C-alpha atoms as a PDB file:
ATOM      1  CA  MET A   1    -142.258-144.818-113.262  1.00  0.00           C
ATOM      2  CA  VAL A   2    -142.440-146.948-110.115  1.00  0.00           C
ATOM      3  CA  ALA A   3    -146.200-147.545-110.384  1.00  0.00           C
ATOM      4  CA  PHE A   4    -145.767-148.903-113.911  1.00  0.00           C
ATOM      5  CA  ARG A   5    -143.011-151.314-112.841  1.00  0.00           C
ATOM      6  CA  LEU A   6    -145.060-152.485-109.865  1.00  0.00           C
ATOM      7  CA  LEU A   7    -148.099-153.117-112.062  1.00  0.00           C
ATOM      8  CA  ILE A   8    -145.990-154.950-114.641  1.00  0.00           C
ATOM      9  CA  GLY A   9    -144.516-157.111-111.874  1.00  0.00           C
ATOM     10  CA  LEU A  10    -147.995-157.886-110.541  1.00  0.00           C
ATOM     11  CA  ALA A  11    -149.133-158.799-114.056  1.00  0.00           C
ATOM     12  CA  GLY A  12    -146.218-161.210-114.357  1.00  0.00           C
ATOM     13  CA  MET A  13    -147.080-162.887-111.071  1.00  0.00           C
ATOM     14  CA  MET A  14    -150.758-163.066-112.050  1.00  0.00           C
ATOM     15  CA  GLY A  15    -149.830-164.646-115.374  1.00  0.00           C
ATOM     16  CA  ALA A  16    -147.653-167.257-113.690  1.00  0.00           C
ATOM     17  CA  ALA A  17    -150.374-168.048-111.151  1.00  0.00           C
ATOM     18  CA  GLY A  18    -152.951-168.236-113.931  1.00  0.00           C
ATOM     19  CA  VAL A  19    -150.906-170.817-115.835  1.00  0.00           C
ATOM     20  CA  ALA A  20    -150.298-172.813-112.638  1.00  0.00           C
ATOM     21  CA  LEU A  21    -154.011-172.838-111.836  1.00  0.00           C
ATOM     22  CA  ALA A  22    -154.828-173.882-115.409  1.00  0.00           C
ATOM     23  CA  ALA A  23    -152.479-176.831-115.010  1.00  0.00           C
ATOM     24  CA  ALA A  24    -153.974-177.697-111.621  1.00  0.00           C
ATOM     25  CA  SER A  25    -157.493-177.522-113.015  1.00  0.00           C
ATOM     26  CA  SER A  26    -156.641-179.905-115.825  1.00  0.00           C
ATOM     27  CA  HIS A  27    -155.173-182.521-113.466  1.00  0.00           C
ATOM     28  CA  GLY A  28    -157.692-182.434-110.647  1.00  0.00           C
ATOM     29  CA  GLY A  29    -161.171-183.771-110.181  1.00  0.00           C
ATOM     30  CA  ASP A  30    -163.929-181.199-109.914  1.00  0.00           C
ATOM     31  CA  ALA A  31    -161.632-178.227-110.431  1.00  0.00           C
ATOM     32  CA  SER A  32    -163.918-175.820-112.304  1.00  0.00           C
ATOM     33  CA  ARG A  33    -163.208-173.162-109.692  1.00  0.00           C
ATOM     34  CA  LEU A  34    -159.522-173.297-110.570  1.00  0.00           C
ATOM     35  CA  ALA A  35    -160.276-172.900-114.275  1.00  0.00           C
ATOM     36  CA  ALA A  36    -162.339-169.785-113.563  1.00  0.00           C
ATOM     37  CA  ALA A  37    -159.623-168.401-111.264  1.00  0.00           C
ATOM     38  CA  SER A  38    -157.001-169.087-113.936  1.00  0.00           C
ATOM     39  CA  ALA A  39    -159.006-167.288-116.605  1.00  0.00           C
ATOM     40  CA  MET A  40    -159.535-164.183-114.480  1.00  0.00           C
ATOM     41  CA  LEU A  41    -155.833-163.974-113.634  1.00  0.00           C
ATOM     42  CA  LEU A  42    -154.666-164.470-117.218  1.00  0.00           C
ATOM     43  CA  PHE A  43    -157.188-162.078-118.769  1.00  0.00           C
ATOM     44  CA  HIS A  44    -156.545-159.341-116.255  1.00  0.00           C
ATOM     45  CA  ALA A  45    -152.754-159.733-116.285  1.00  0.00           C
ATOM     46  CA  THR A  46    -152.984-158.955-119.989  1.00  0.00           C
ATOM     47  CA  ALA A  47    -155.335-156.046-119.278  1.00  0.00           C
ATOM     48  CA  ILE A  48    -152.818-154.584-116.822  1.00  0.00           C
ATOM     49  CA  LEU A  49    -150.015-154.800-119.375  1.00  0.00           C
ATOM     50  CA  ALA A  50    -152.196-153.175-122.044  1.00  0.00           C
ATOM     51  CA  THR A  51    -153.281-150.418-119.674  1.00  0.00           C
ATOM     52  CA  VAL A  52    -149.686-149.651-118.691  1.00  0.00           C
ATOM     53  CA  ALA A  53    -148.683-149.583-122.381  1.00  0.00           C
ATOM     54  CA  LEU A  54    -151.529-147.188-123.187  1.00  0.00           C
ATOM     55  CA  LEU A  55    -150.595-145.008-120.223  1.00  0.00           C
ATOM     56  CA  GLY A  56    -146.996-144.891-121.417  1.00  0.00           C
ATOM     57  CA  ARG A  57    -148.146-143.668-124.818  1.00  0.00           C
ATOM     58  CA  GLY A  58    -150.355-140.993-123.280  1.00  0.00           C
ATOM     59  CA  LEU A  59    -153.554-142.586-124.571  1.00  0.00           C
ATOM     60  CA  LEU A  60    -155.202-142.843-121.150  1.00  0.00           C
ATOM     61  CA  HIS A  61    -155.623-140.352-118.320  1.00  0.00           C
ATOM     62  CA  GLY A  62    -152.732-141.111-115.971  1.00  0.00           C
ATOM     63  CA  GLY A  63    -154.411-141.234-112.579  1.00  0.00           C
ATOM     64  CA  ILE A  64    -157.560-142.960-113.758  1.00  0.00           C
ATOM     65  CA  GLY A  65    -155.559-145.475-115.791  1.00  0.00           C
ATOM     66  CA  ILE A  66    -153.398-146.409-112.804  1.00  0.00           C
ATOM     67  CA  ILE A  67    -156.527-146.840-110.691  1.00  0.00           C
ATOM     68  CA  ALA A  68    -157.998-149.105-113.390  1.00  0.00           C
ATOM     69  CA  ALA A  69    -154.865-151.251-113.643  1.00  0.00           C
ATOM     70  CA  SER A  70    -154.624-151.479-109.862  1.00  0.00           C
ATOM     71  CA  GLY A  71    -158.270-152.492-109.731  1.00  0.00           C
ATOM     72  CA  PHE A  72    -157.603-155.257-112.257  1.00  0.00           C
ATOM     73  CA  ALA A  73    -154.867-156.611-109.973  1.00  0.00           C
ATOM     74  CA  ALA A  74    -156.864-156.309-106.755  1.00  0.00           C
ATOM     75  CA  GLY A  75    -160.116-157.598-108.217  1.00  0.00           C
ATOM     76  CA  ALA A  76    -158.513-160.597-109.922  1.00  0.00           C
ATOM     77  CA  ALA A  77    -156.570-161.421-106.753  1.00  0.00           C
ATOM     78  CA  LEU A  78    -159.758-161.368-104.662  1.00  0.00           C
ATOM     79  CA  PHE A  79    -161.725-163.393-107.187  1.00  0.00           C
ATOM     80  CA  ALA A  80    -159.041-165.984-107.906  1.00  0.00           C
ATOM     81  CA  GLY A  81    -157.855-166.119-104.300  1.00  0.00           C
ATOM     82  CA  ASP A  82    -161.343-166.836-103.047  1.00  0.00           C
ATOM     83  CA  LEU A  83    -162.020-169.568-105.610  1.00  0.00           C
ATOM     84  CA  THR A  84    -158.628-171.171-105.021  1.00  0.00           C
ATOM     85  CA  LEU A  85    -159.085-171.137-101.254  1.00  0.00           C
ATOM     86  CA  ARG A  86    -162.537-172.693-101.639  1.00  0.00           C
ATOM     87  CA  GLN A  87    -161.045-175.425-103.828  1.00  0.00           C
ATOM     88  CA  TYR A  88    -158.143-176.331-101.545  1.00  0.00           C
ATOM     89  CA  ALA A  89    -159.256-175.304 -98.050  1.00  0.00           C
ATOM     90  CA  GLY A  90    -163.004-175.720 -98.357  1.00  0.00           C
ATOM     91  CA  HIS A  91    -163.856-172.226 -97.181  1.00  0.00           C
ATOM     92  CA  SER A  92    -164.083-168.695 -98.508  1.00  0.00           C
ATOM     93  CA  LEU A  93    -161.512-165.929 -98.135  1.00  0.00           C
ATOM     94  CA  PHE A  94    -164.306-163.840 -96.587  1.00  0.00           C
ATOM     95  CA  PRO A  95    -168.036-163.562 -97.348  1.00  0.00           C
ATOM     96  CA  TYR A  96    -168.646-162.266-100.877  1.00  0.00           C
ATOM     97  CA  ALA A  97    -164.916-162.085-101.716  1.00  0.00           C
ATOM     98  CA  ALA A  98    -165.340-163.441-105.265  1.00  0.00           C
ATOM     99  CA  PRO A  99    -168.304-161.171-106.128  1.00  0.00           C
ATOM    100  CA  THR A 100    -166.444-158.221-104.633  1.00  0.00           C
ATOM    101  CA  GLY A 101    -163.436-159.016-106.811  1.00  0.00           C
ATOM    102  CA  GLY A 102    -165.687-159.352-109.839  1.00  0.00           C
ATOM    103  CA  SER A 103    -167.306-156.008-109.102  1.00  0.00           C
ATOM    104  CA  VAL A 104    -163.896-154.360-108.755  1.00  0.00           C
ATOM    105  CA  MET A 105    -162.887-155.775-112.150  1.00  0.00           C
ATOM    106  CA  ILE A 106    -166.090-154.472-113.759  1.00  0.00           C
ATOM    107  CA  LEU A 107    -165.487-151.033-112.251  1.00  0.00           C
ATOM    108  CA  SER A 108    -161.896-151.162-113.488  1.00  0.00           C
ATOM    109  CA  TRP A 109    -163.054-151.782-117.050  1.00  0.00           C
ATOM    110  CA  LEU A 110    -165.373-148.784-116.711  1.00  0.00           C
ATOM    111  CA  ALA A 111    -162.419-146.786-115.379  1.00  0.00           C
ATOM    112  CA  VAL A 112    -160.458-147.658-118.535  1.00  0.00           C
ATOM    113  CA  THR A 113    -163.349-146.219-120.535  1.00  0.00           C
ATOM    114  CA  LEU A 114    -163.306-143.070-118.420  1.00  0.00           C
ATOM    115  CA  ALA A 115    -159.505-142.818-118.700  1.00  0.00           C
ATOM    116  CA  ALA A 116    -159.784-142.908-122.485  1.00  0.00           C
ATOM    117  CA  VAL A 117    -162.412-140.173-122.523  1.00  0.00           C
ATOM    118  CA  MET A 118    -160.660-137.960-119.957  1.00  0.00           C
ATOM    119  CA  VAL A 119    -157.177-138.040-121.483  1.00  0.00           C
ATOM    120  CA  LYS A 120    -155.817-134.575-122.260  1.00  0.00           C
ATOM    121  CA  LYS A 121    -155.007-134.209-125.913  1.00  0.00           C
END
């Protein structure tokens, strides 16, 4: 399925960016923002891969599961993108970008819960 391959590709890019930001945070001065951005990318890249695997096995409701995995990608990108931009450019992506990304990730985790409950047996 195209959506699965797209999500897997996004997870791979998020994982690579997460490792790069972890390296940058360990070599820079006050780089705590980069460490937080790295963690969100790495954790949610893994969550995307797990969600796609569960969808492929029929253990999650298809539409809700894809929305959850997409939310993981979008939310982590907003959160990490905002923190990274603040670190390197000194300004935000847009007002409340990081909290918006965090909220999207929280809602995505709740969507995984809903997808598990709503799956047709």
